[in-house]
N, C-alpha and C. Protein backbone atom coordinates (compact mmCIF):
# COMPACT_ATOMS: atom_id res chain seq x y z
N MET A 1 -65.39 45.11 22.62
CA MET A 1 -64.28 45.63 21.84
C MET A 1 -63.13 44.62 21.90
N THR A 2 -62.61 44.25 20.76
CA THR A 2 -61.53 43.27 20.70
C THR A 2 -60.20 43.97 20.41
N THR A 3 -59.16 43.47 21.07
CA THR A 3 -57.83 44.03 20.85
C THR A 3 -56.98 43.13 19.96
N PHE A 4 -57.40 41.89 19.82
CA PHE A 4 -56.64 40.91 19.05
C PHE A 4 -57.61 39.99 18.32
N PRO A 5 -58.20 40.46 17.23
CA PRO A 5 -59.24 39.68 16.54
C PRO A 5 -58.76 38.34 15.98
N GLU A 6 -57.46 38.14 15.83
CA GLU A 6 -56.92 36.88 15.30
C GLU A 6 -56.76 35.81 16.38
N PHE A 7 -57.13 36.11 17.60
CA PHE A 7 -56.97 35.22 18.76
C PHE A 7 -57.41 33.79 18.43
N HIS A 8 -58.55 33.64 17.81
CA HIS A 8 -59.12 32.32 17.53
C HIS A 8 -58.33 31.51 16.50
N LYS A 9 -57.41 32.14 15.83
CA LYS A 9 -56.62 31.44 14.80
C LYS A 9 -55.42 30.70 15.39
N TYR A 10 -55.17 30.88 16.69
CA TYR A 10 -53.99 30.30 17.33
C TYR A 10 -54.39 29.30 18.40
N ASP A 11 -53.57 28.26 18.54
CA ASP A 11 -53.72 27.40 19.71
C ASP A 11 -52.84 27.96 20.82
N GLY A 12 -52.78 27.28 21.96
CA GLY A 12 -52.01 27.78 23.09
C GLY A 12 -50.54 27.95 22.79
N LEU A 13 -49.94 27.02 22.07
CA LEU A 13 -48.52 27.13 21.74
C LEU A 13 -48.28 28.29 20.78
N GLY A 14 -49.20 28.51 19.87
CA GLY A 14 -49.08 29.64 18.95
C GLY A 14 -49.16 30.97 19.68
N LEU A 15 -50.08 31.06 20.64
CA LEU A 15 -50.19 32.29 21.44
C LEU A 15 -48.92 32.50 22.27
N ALA A 16 -48.40 31.42 22.84
CA ALA A 16 -47.16 31.53 23.63
C ALA A 16 -46.00 31.99 22.76
N GLU A 17 -45.94 31.53 21.53
CA GLU A 17 -44.89 31.97 20.61
C GLU A 17 -45.01 33.47 20.33
N LEU A 18 -46.22 33.96 20.17
CA LEU A 18 -46.43 35.39 19.96
C LEU A 18 -45.95 36.19 21.18
N VAL A 19 -46.17 35.66 22.37
CA VAL A 19 -45.69 36.32 23.59
C VAL A 19 -44.17 36.28 23.63
N ARG A 20 -43.58 35.10 23.37
CA ARG A 20 -42.11 34.96 23.41
C ARG A 20 -41.42 35.90 22.43
N THR A 21 -42.02 36.08 21.27
CA THR A 21 -41.41 36.93 20.24
C THR A 21 -41.88 38.39 20.35
N LYS A 22 -42.61 38.67 21.43
CA LYS A 22 -43.08 40.03 21.74
C LYS A 22 -43.97 40.64 20.66
N GLN A 23 -44.70 39.78 19.94
CA GLN A 23 -45.68 40.27 18.98
C GLN A 23 -46.97 40.67 19.67
N ILE A 24 -47.15 40.14 20.88
CA ILE A 24 -48.30 40.50 21.71
C ILE A 24 -47.88 40.31 23.17
N SER A 25 -48.50 41.06 24.04
CA SER A 25 -48.15 40.94 25.46
C SER A 25 -49.15 40.02 26.18
N PRO A 26 -48.74 39.44 27.30
CA PRO A 26 -49.68 38.65 28.08
C PRO A 26 -50.90 39.47 28.50
N THR A 27 -50.70 40.74 28.79
CA THR A 27 -51.81 41.61 29.17
C THR A 27 -52.81 41.75 28.03
N GLU A 28 -52.33 41.87 26.81
CA GLU A 28 -53.24 41.94 25.65
C GLU A 28 -54.02 40.64 25.49
N LEU A 29 -53.35 39.50 25.73
CA LEU A 29 -54.05 38.22 25.64
C LEU A 29 -55.13 38.11 26.72
N ILE A 30 -54.82 38.56 27.92
CA ILE A 30 -55.80 38.55 29.01
C ILE A 30 -57.02 39.37 28.63
N GLU A 31 -56.77 40.58 28.13
CA GLU A 31 -57.90 41.45 27.78
C GLU A 31 -58.75 40.85 26.67
N GLU A 32 -58.11 40.18 25.72
CA GLU A 32 -58.87 39.53 24.66
C GLU A 32 -59.69 38.36 25.21
N ALA A 33 -59.08 37.57 26.08
CA ALA A 33 -59.81 36.45 26.69
C ALA A 33 -61.01 36.96 27.50
N ILE A 34 -60.80 38.01 28.27
CA ILE A 34 -61.88 38.59 29.06
C ILE A 34 -62.99 39.10 28.14
N SER A 35 -62.60 39.78 27.09
CA SER A 35 -63.58 40.30 26.13
C SER A 35 -64.44 39.18 25.56
N ARG A 36 -63.81 38.08 25.22
CA ARG A 36 -64.54 36.95 24.65
C ARG A 36 -65.41 36.25 25.68
N ILE A 37 -64.93 36.15 26.91
CA ILE A 37 -65.75 35.56 27.98
C ILE A 37 -67.00 36.42 28.18
N GLU A 38 -66.81 37.72 28.26
CA GLU A 38 -67.94 38.61 28.49
C GLU A 38 -68.93 38.59 27.32
N ALA A 39 -68.43 38.39 26.12
CA ALA A 39 -69.32 38.35 24.95
C ALA A 39 -70.13 37.06 24.87
N HIS A 40 -69.53 35.94 25.25
CA HIS A 40 -70.18 34.64 25.04
C HIS A 40 -70.73 33.99 26.30
N ASN A 41 -70.19 34.34 27.45
CA ASN A 41 -70.60 33.66 28.68
C ASN A 41 -72.07 33.87 29.06
N PRO A 42 -72.68 35.02 28.79
CA PRO A 42 -74.10 35.15 29.15
C PRO A 42 -74.98 34.08 28.48
N ARG A 43 -74.58 33.62 27.33
CA ARG A 43 -75.36 32.62 26.61
C ARG A 43 -75.04 31.19 27.07
N ILE A 44 -73.76 30.91 27.37
CA ILE A 44 -73.38 29.53 27.69
C ILE A 44 -73.12 29.27 29.18
N ASN A 45 -72.91 30.32 29.96
CA ASN A 45 -72.69 30.21 31.41
C ASN A 45 -71.60 29.19 31.76
N ALA A 46 -70.46 29.30 31.10
CA ALA A 46 -69.36 28.37 31.34
C ALA A 46 -68.39 28.87 32.40
N VAL A 47 -68.26 30.19 32.56
CA VAL A 47 -67.33 30.76 33.53
C VAL A 47 -68.15 31.26 34.71
N ILE A 48 -68.01 30.56 35.86
CA ILE A 48 -68.85 30.91 36.99
C ILE A 48 -68.13 31.77 38.02
N TYR A 49 -66.82 31.72 38.06
CA TYR A 49 -66.04 32.55 38.97
C TYR A 49 -64.96 33.23 38.16
N LYS A 50 -65.12 34.51 37.97
CA LYS A 50 -64.19 35.26 37.12
C LYS A 50 -63.01 35.75 37.93
N MET A 51 -61.82 35.40 37.47
CA MET A 51 -60.58 35.76 38.15
C MET A 51 -59.84 36.84 37.37
N TYR A 52 -60.56 37.82 36.88
CA TYR A 52 -59.98 38.84 36.02
C TYR A 52 -58.88 39.64 36.71
N ALA A 53 -59.10 40.07 37.94
CA ALA A 53 -58.09 40.88 38.64
C ALA A 53 -56.81 40.07 38.85
N GLN A 54 -56.96 38.81 39.25
CA GLN A 54 -55.79 37.96 39.45
C GLN A 54 -55.05 37.73 38.13
N ALA A 55 -55.79 37.54 37.06
CA ALA A 55 -55.18 37.32 35.75
C ALA A 55 -54.41 38.56 35.30
N ARG A 56 -55.02 39.72 35.46
CA ARG A 56 -54.34 40.96 35.06
C ARG A 56 -53.06 41.17 35.86
N LYS A 57 -53.14 40.90 37.15
CA LYS A 57 -51.95 41.05 38.01
C LYS A 57 -50.86 40.07 37.60
N ALA A 58 -51.23 38.82 37.37
CA ALA A 58 -50.24 37.80 36.97
C ALA A 58 -49.60 38.14 35.63
N ALA A 59 -50.38 38.67 34.70
CA ALA A 59 -49.86 39.00 33.37
C ALA A 59 -48.86 40.14 33.42
N GLN A 60 -48.95 40.99 34.42
CA GLN A 60 -48.04 42.12 34.54
C GLN A 60 -46.77 41.77 35.31
N GLY A 61 -46.77 40.63 35.98
CA GLY A 61 -45.61 40.22 36.76
C GLY A 61 -44.68 39.33 35.97
N LYS A 62 -43.72 38.74 36.70
CA LYS A 62 -42.79 37.81 36.07
C LYS A 62 -43.52 36.49 35.83
N LEU A 63 -43.54 36.08 34.61
CA LEU A 63 -44.23 34.84 34.24
C LEU A 63 -43.29 33.65 34.36
N PRO A 64 -43.81 32.53 34.83
CA PRO A 64 -42.98 31.33 34.90
C PRO A 64 -42.64 30.84 33.49
N ASP A 65 -41.46 30.30 33.35
CA ASP A 65 -41.05 29.78 32.05
C ASP A 65 -41.80 28.49 31.76
N GLY A 66 -42.06 28.23 30.52
CA GLY A 66 -42.74 27.00 30.13
C GLY A 66 -43.34 27.16 28.75
N PRO A 67 -43.85 26.08 28.19
CA PRO A 67 -44.34 26.13 26.81
C PRO A 67 -45.56 27.03 26.60
N PHE A 68 -46.32 27.30 27.66
CA PHE A 68 -47.52 28.13 27.53
C PHE A 68 -47.36 29.48 28.25
N MET A 69 -46.13 29.92 28.40
CA MET A 69 -45.85 31.16 29.12
C MET A 69 -46.66 32.33 28.56
N GLY A 70 -47.43 32.98 29.45
CA GLY A 70 -48.19 34.16 29.06
C GLY A 70 -49.56 33.90 28.49
N VAL A 71 -49.93 32.64 28.35
CA VAL A 71 -51.22 32.30 27.75
C VAL A 71 -52.27 32.14 28.86
N PRO A 72 -53.37 32.88 28.78
CA PRO A 72 -54.42 32.74 29.80
C PRO A 72 -55.13 31.40 29.67
N PHE A 73 -55.66 30.93 30.79
CA PHE A 73 -56.40 29.66 30.77
C PHE A 73 -57.51 29.69 31.80
N LEU A 74 -58.42 28.77 31.68
CA LEU A 74 -59.52 28.61 32.61
C LEU A 74 -59.28 27.38 33.47
N LEU A 75 -59.77 27.41 34.70
CA LEU A 75 -59.73 26.24 35.58
C LEU A 75 -61.11 25.63 35.65
N LYS A 76 -61.17 24.33 35.52
CA LYS A 76 -62.45 23.64 35.70
C LYS A 76 -62.74 23.56 37.19
N ASP A 77 -63.97 23.76 37.55
CA ASP A 77 -64.38 23.78 38.95
C ASP A 77 -64.54 22.36 39.50
N MET A 78 -63.47 21.61 39.44
CA MET A 78 -63.46 20.25 39.98
C MET A 78 -62.03 19.82 40.26
N HIS A 79 -61.73 19.52 41.47
CA HIS A 79 -60.48 18.88 41.87
C HIS A 79 -59.23 19.74 41.72
N ALA A 80 -59.31 20.96 41.29
CA ALA A 80 -58.15 21.84 41.21
C ALA A 80 -58.47 23.09 42.02
N THR A 81 -57.82 23.24 43.16
CA THR A 81 -58.12 24.38 44.01
C THR A 81 -57.01 25.41 43.95
N VAL A 82 -57.40 26.67 44.15
CA VAL A 82 -56.48 27.79 44.21
C VAL A 82 -56.82 28.56 45.48
N VAL A 83 -55.81 28.91 46.25
CA VAL A 83 -56.02 29.64 47.50
C VAL A 83 -56.93 30.84 47.28
N GLY A 84 -57.96 30.95 48.10
CA GLY A 84 -58.86 32.09 48.06
C GLY A 84 -59.97 32.03 47.02
N VAL A 85 -59.94 31.03 46.16
CA VAL A 85 -60.93 30.92 45.08
C VAL A 85 -61.92 29.81 45.44
N PRO A 86 -63.22 30.10 45.37
CA PRO A 86 -64.21 29.04 45.66
C PRO A 86 -64.13 27.90 44.64
N MET A 87 -64.39 26.69 45.10
CA MET A 87 -64.53 25.54 44.23
C MET A 87 -65.79 24.82 44.67
N SER A 88 -66.81 24.83 43.84
CA SER A 88 -68.09 24.29 44.26
C SER A 88 -68.36 22.88 43.76
N CYS A 89 -67.66 22.43 42.74
CA CYS A 89 -67.95 21.14 42.10
C CYS A 89 -69.42 21.06 41.71
N GLY A 90 -69.98 22.20 41.35
CA GLY A 90 -71.37 22.24 40.90
C GLY A 90 -72.39 22.23 42.03
N THR A 91 -71.95 22.40 43.27
CA THR A 91 -72.84 22.37 44.42
C THR A 91 -73.06 23.77 44.95
N ARG A 92 -74.29 24.21 45.01
CA ARG A 92 -74.60 25.56 45.49
C ARG A 92 -74.11 25.78 46.92
N MET A 93 -74.13 24.76 47.72
CA MET A 93 -73.73 24.87 49.12
C MET A 93 -72.26 25.32 49.25
N LEU A 94 -71.42 24.97 48.30
CA LEU A 94 -69.99 25.27 48.36
C LEU A 94 -69.58 26.49 47.54
N LYS A 95 -70.50 27.10 46.82
CA LYS A 95 -70.14 28.09 45.81
C LYS A 95 -69.42 29.33 46.33
N ASP A 96 -69.56 29.68 47.61
CA ASP A 96 -68.93 30.89 48.13
C ASP A 96 -67.83 30.61 49.14
N ILE A 97 -67.39 29.38 49.24
CA ILE A 97 -66.37 29.03 50.22
C ILE A 97 -64.99 29.04 49.56
N PRO A 98 -64.13 29.99 49.94
CA PRO A 98 -62.80 30.04 49.34
C PRO A 98 -61.93 28.87 49.82
N GLN A 99 -61.06 28.43 48.95
CA GLN A 99 -60.18 27.31 49.27
C GLN A 99 -58.98 27.80 50.10
N SER A 100 -58.47 26.94 50.94
CA SER A 100 -57.36 27.31 51.82
C SER A 100 -55.99 26.94 51.25
N ARG A 101 -55.99 26.22 50.12
CA ARG A 101 -54.69 25.86 49.53
C ARG A 101 -54.83 25.64 48.03
N THR A 102 -53.69 25.65 47.37
CA THR A 102 -53.62 25.34 45.95
C THR A 102 -53.21 23.88 45.85
N THR A 103 -53.92 23.11 45.05
CA THR A 103 -53.72 21.66 45.03
C THR A 103 -52.46 21.19 44.32
N ALA A 104 -51.97 21.97 43.37
CA ALA A 104 -50.79 21.52 42.63
C ALA A 104 -49.95 22.72 42.24
N LYS A 105 -48.65 22.57 42.36
CA LYS A 105 -47.75 23.66 41.97
C LYS A 105 -47.94 24.02 40.51
N SER A 106 -48.28 23.05 39.68
CA SER A 106 -48.44 23.34 38.25
C SER A 106 -49.52 24.38 38.01
N TYR A 107 -50.58 24.38 38.82
CA TYR A 107 -51.63 25.38 38.65
C TYR A 107 -51.14 26.75 39.06
N ALA A 108 -50.33 26.79 40.11
CA ALA A 108 -49.85 28.08 40.61
C ALA A 108 -48.79 28.68 39.71
N ALA A 109 -48.12 27.86 38.92
CA ALA A 109 -46.98 28.35 38.17
C ALA A 109 -47.16 28.38 36.66
N THR A 110 -48.35 28.18 36.18
CA THR A 110 -48.50 28.10 34.73
C THR A 110 -48.75 29.43 34.06
N GLY A 111 -49.30 30.39 34.74
CA GLY A 111 -49.55 31.67 34.10
C GLY A 111 -50.86 32.27 34.56
N PRO A 112 -51.30 33.29 33.86
CA PRO A 112 -52.50 33.98 34.31
C PRO A 112 -53.76 33.16 34.11
N ARG A 113 -54.53 33.02 35.18
CA ARG A 113 -55.83 32.34 35.11
C ARG A 113 -56.90 33.40 34.92
N VAL A 114 -57.81 33.16 34.03
CA VAL A 114 -58.84 34.15 33.75
C VAL A 114 -60.05 33.86 34.59
């Protein structure tokens, strides 16, 4: 079920503008992103660690200011760590080991991660 079928018509800045002008909420964007991940990921297996609860919580809190405020994003599983989130770099041996730190403030302050 989709809540924002026009999602694909916008880039990140366009989605952020919709959030800034209150035409859509960050929570609605999160739910749309999750819906699309769940619809397409079984076929492409691109999202290996789903951070849905963290994204929902971040979207409901105070969002950091910036050009992409309120826009959900994905983290590539290489070289960018987030406290408590596994980073395997494609190695099965590391897939369940949570990270002890976040590698860059920019990752922690950009908005909800899906």
